[in-house]
Amino acid sequence: MTKTIIEITGMTCSHCENSVAEELMNVSGVTSASADHETGTATIESASVAEQALADAVEEAGYKAVGFKTVDA
């Protein structure tokens, strides 16, 4: 299992967090997703998922992924 932290611009409220988390959960291989507008990040756990698929999901929610940090769990 891999933990990935995504830096996201544009989130301002809990509705933003929910939108991002829902879109990330739609990505095949993602087992959990949460977002935090105060830190401007989303954290996911997954079995190997391409960063582009995650960035596309964030964009689908209406925001922009600007950085990725992967930590093996």
C-alpha atoms as a PDB file:
ATOM      1  CA  MET A   1       0.000   0.000   0.000  1.00  0.00           C
ATOM      2  CA  THR A   2       1.279   3.457  -0.871  1.00  0.00           C
ATOM      3  CA  LYS A   3       0.398   6.768   0.759  1.00  0.00           C
ATOM      4  CA  THR A   4       0.465   9.837  -1.494  1.00  0.00           C
ATOM      5  CA  ILE A   5       0.114  13.462  -0.434  1.00  0.00           C
ATOM      6  CA  ILE A   6      -1.104  15.782  -3.186  1.00  0.00           C
ATOM      7  CA  GLU A   7      -0.637  19.563  -3.024  1.00  0.00           C
ATOM      8  CA  ILE A   8      -3.775  21.245  -4.395  1.00  0.00           C
ATOM      9  CA  THR A   9      -4.575  24.869  -5.170  1.00  0.00           C
ATOM     10  CA  GLY A  10      -8.021  26.446  -4.947  1.00  0.00           C
ATOM     11  CA  MET A  11      -9.678  24.603  -2.054  1.00  0.00           C
ATOM     12  CA  THR A  12     -11.349  27.015   0.365  1.00  0.00           C
ATOM     13  CA  CYS A  13     -13.943  25.054   2.371  1.00  0.00           C
ATOM     14  CA  SER A  14     -15.218  21.647   3.467  1.00  0.00           C
ATOM     15  CA  HIS A  15     -17.312  21.368   0.294  1.00  0.00           C
ATOM     16  CA  CYS A  16     -14.062  21.623  -1.680  1.00  0.00           C
ATOM     17  CA  GLU A  17     -12.547  18.865   0.467  1.00  0.00           C
ATOM     18  CA  ASN A  18     -15.516  16.577  -0.151  1.00  0.00           C
ATOM     19  CA  SER A  19     -15.466  17.172  -3.914  1.00  0.00           C
ATOM     20  CA  VAL A  20     -11.769  16.346  -4.165  1.00  0.00           C
ATOM     21  CA  ALA A  21     -12.031  13.258  -1.943  1.00  0.00           C
ATOM     22  CA  GLU A  22     -15.026  11.916  -3.908  1.00  0.00           C
ATOM     23  CA  GLU A  23     -13.238  12.300  -7.255  1.00  0.00           C
ATOM     24  CA  LEU A  24     -10.068  10.675  -5.896  1.00  0.00           C
ATOM     25  CA  MET A  25     -12.096   7.710  -4.603  1.00  0.00           C
ATOM     26  CA  ASN A  26     -13.322   7.171  -8.186  1.00  0.00           C
ATOM     27  CA  VAL A  27      -9.749   6.452  -9.340  1.00  0.00           C
ATOM     28  CA  SER A  28      -9.169   2.718  -9.718  1.00  0.00           C
ATOM     29  CA  GLY A  29      -6.775   1.479  -7.038  1.00  0.00           C
ATOM     30  CA  VAL A  30      -7.471   4.228  -4.485  1.00  0.00           C
ATOM     31  CA  THR A  31      -8.606   2.679  -1.192  1.00  0.00           C
ATOM     32  CA  SER A  32      -8.968   5.866   0.884  1.00  0.00           C
ATOM     33  CA  ALA A  33      -8.898   9.594   0.225  1.00  0.00           C
ATOM     34  CA  SER A  34      -9.222  12.723   2.325  1.00  0.00           C
ATOM     35  CA  ALA A  35      -8.578  16.398   1.639  1.00  0.00           C
ATOM     36  CA  ASP A  36      -7.827  19.398   3.858  1.00  0.00           C
ATOM     37  CA  HIS A  37      -8.433  22.907   2.536  1.00  0.00           C
ATOM     38  CA  GLU A  38      -6.435  24.493   5.380  1.00  0.00           C
ATOM     39  CA  THR A  39      -3.231  22.692   4.383  1.00  0.00           C
ATOM     40  CA  GLY A  40      -4.079  22.590   0.677  1.00  0.00           C
ATOM     41  CA  THR A  41      -3.472  18.855   0.499  1.00  0.00           C
ATOM     42  CA  ALA A  42      -5.189  15.565  -0.138  1.00  0.00           C
ATOM     43  CA  THR A  43      -3.936  12.251   1.197  1.00  0.00           C
ATOM     44  CA  ILE A  44      -4.691   8.954  -0.493  1.00  0.00           C
ATOM     45  CA  GLU A  45      -3.815   5.348   0.112  1.00  0.00           C
ATOM     46  CA  SER A  46      -3.621   3.126  -2.914  1.00  0.00           C
ATOM     47  CA  ALA A  47      -2.069   0.231  -4.679  1.00  0.00           C
ATOM     48  CA  SER A  48       0.161   1.866  -7.296  1.00  0.00           C
ATOM     49  CA  VAL A  49      -1.787   4.627  -9.071  1.00  0.00           C
ATOM     50  CA  ALA A  50      -0.310   6.956 -11.705  1.00  0.00           C
ATOM     51  CA  GLU A  51       0.116  10.575 -10.608  1.00  0.00           C
ATOM     52  CA  GLN A  52      -1.583  11.711 -13.826  1.00  0.00           C
ATOM     53  CA  ALA A  53      -4.745   9.776 -12.896  1.00  0.00           C
ATOM     54  CA  LEU A  54      -4.766  11.527  -9.521  1.00  0.00           C
ATOM     55  CA  ALA A  55      -4.146  14.939 -11.108  1.00  0.00           C
ATOM     56  CA  ASP A  56      -6.987  14.315 -13.556  1.00  0.00           C
ATOM     57  CA  ALA A  57      -9.344  13.468 -10.668  1.00  0.00           C
ATOM     58  CA  VAL A  58      -8.396  16.665  -8.823  1.00  0.00           C
ATOM     59  CA  GLU A  59      -8.994  18.657 -12.022  1.00  0.00           C
ATOM     60  CA  GLU A  60     -12.370  16.935 -12.490  1.00  0.00           C
ATOM     61  CA  ALA A  61     -13.313  18.283  -9.041  1.00  0.00           C
ATOM     62  CA  GLY A  62     -12.387  21.782 -10.229  1.00  0.00           C
ATOM     63  CA  TYR A  63      -8.952  22.226  -8.651  1.00  0.00           C
ATOM     64  CA  LYS A  64      -5.302  21.855  -9.637  1.00  0.00           C
ATOM     65  CA  ALA A  65      -2.769  19.352  -8.340  1.00  0.00           C
ATOM     66  CA  VAL A  66       0.610  21.092  -8.123  1.00  0.00           C
ATOM     67  CA  GLY A  67       2.771  18.540  -6.336  1.00  0.00           C
ATOM     68  CA  PHE A  68       3.000  14.925  -5.213  1.00  0.00           C
ATOM     69  CA  LYS A  69       4.840  13.248  -2.354  1.00  0.00           C
ATOM     70  CA  THR A  70       4.751   9.466  -2.149  1.00  0.00           C
ATOM     71  CA  VAL A  71       5.482   7.580   1.047  1.00  0.00           C
ATOM     72  CA  ASP A  72       5.561   3.784   1.068  1.00  0.00           C
ATOM     73  CA  ALA A  73       3.363   2.531   3.865  1.00  0.00           C
END
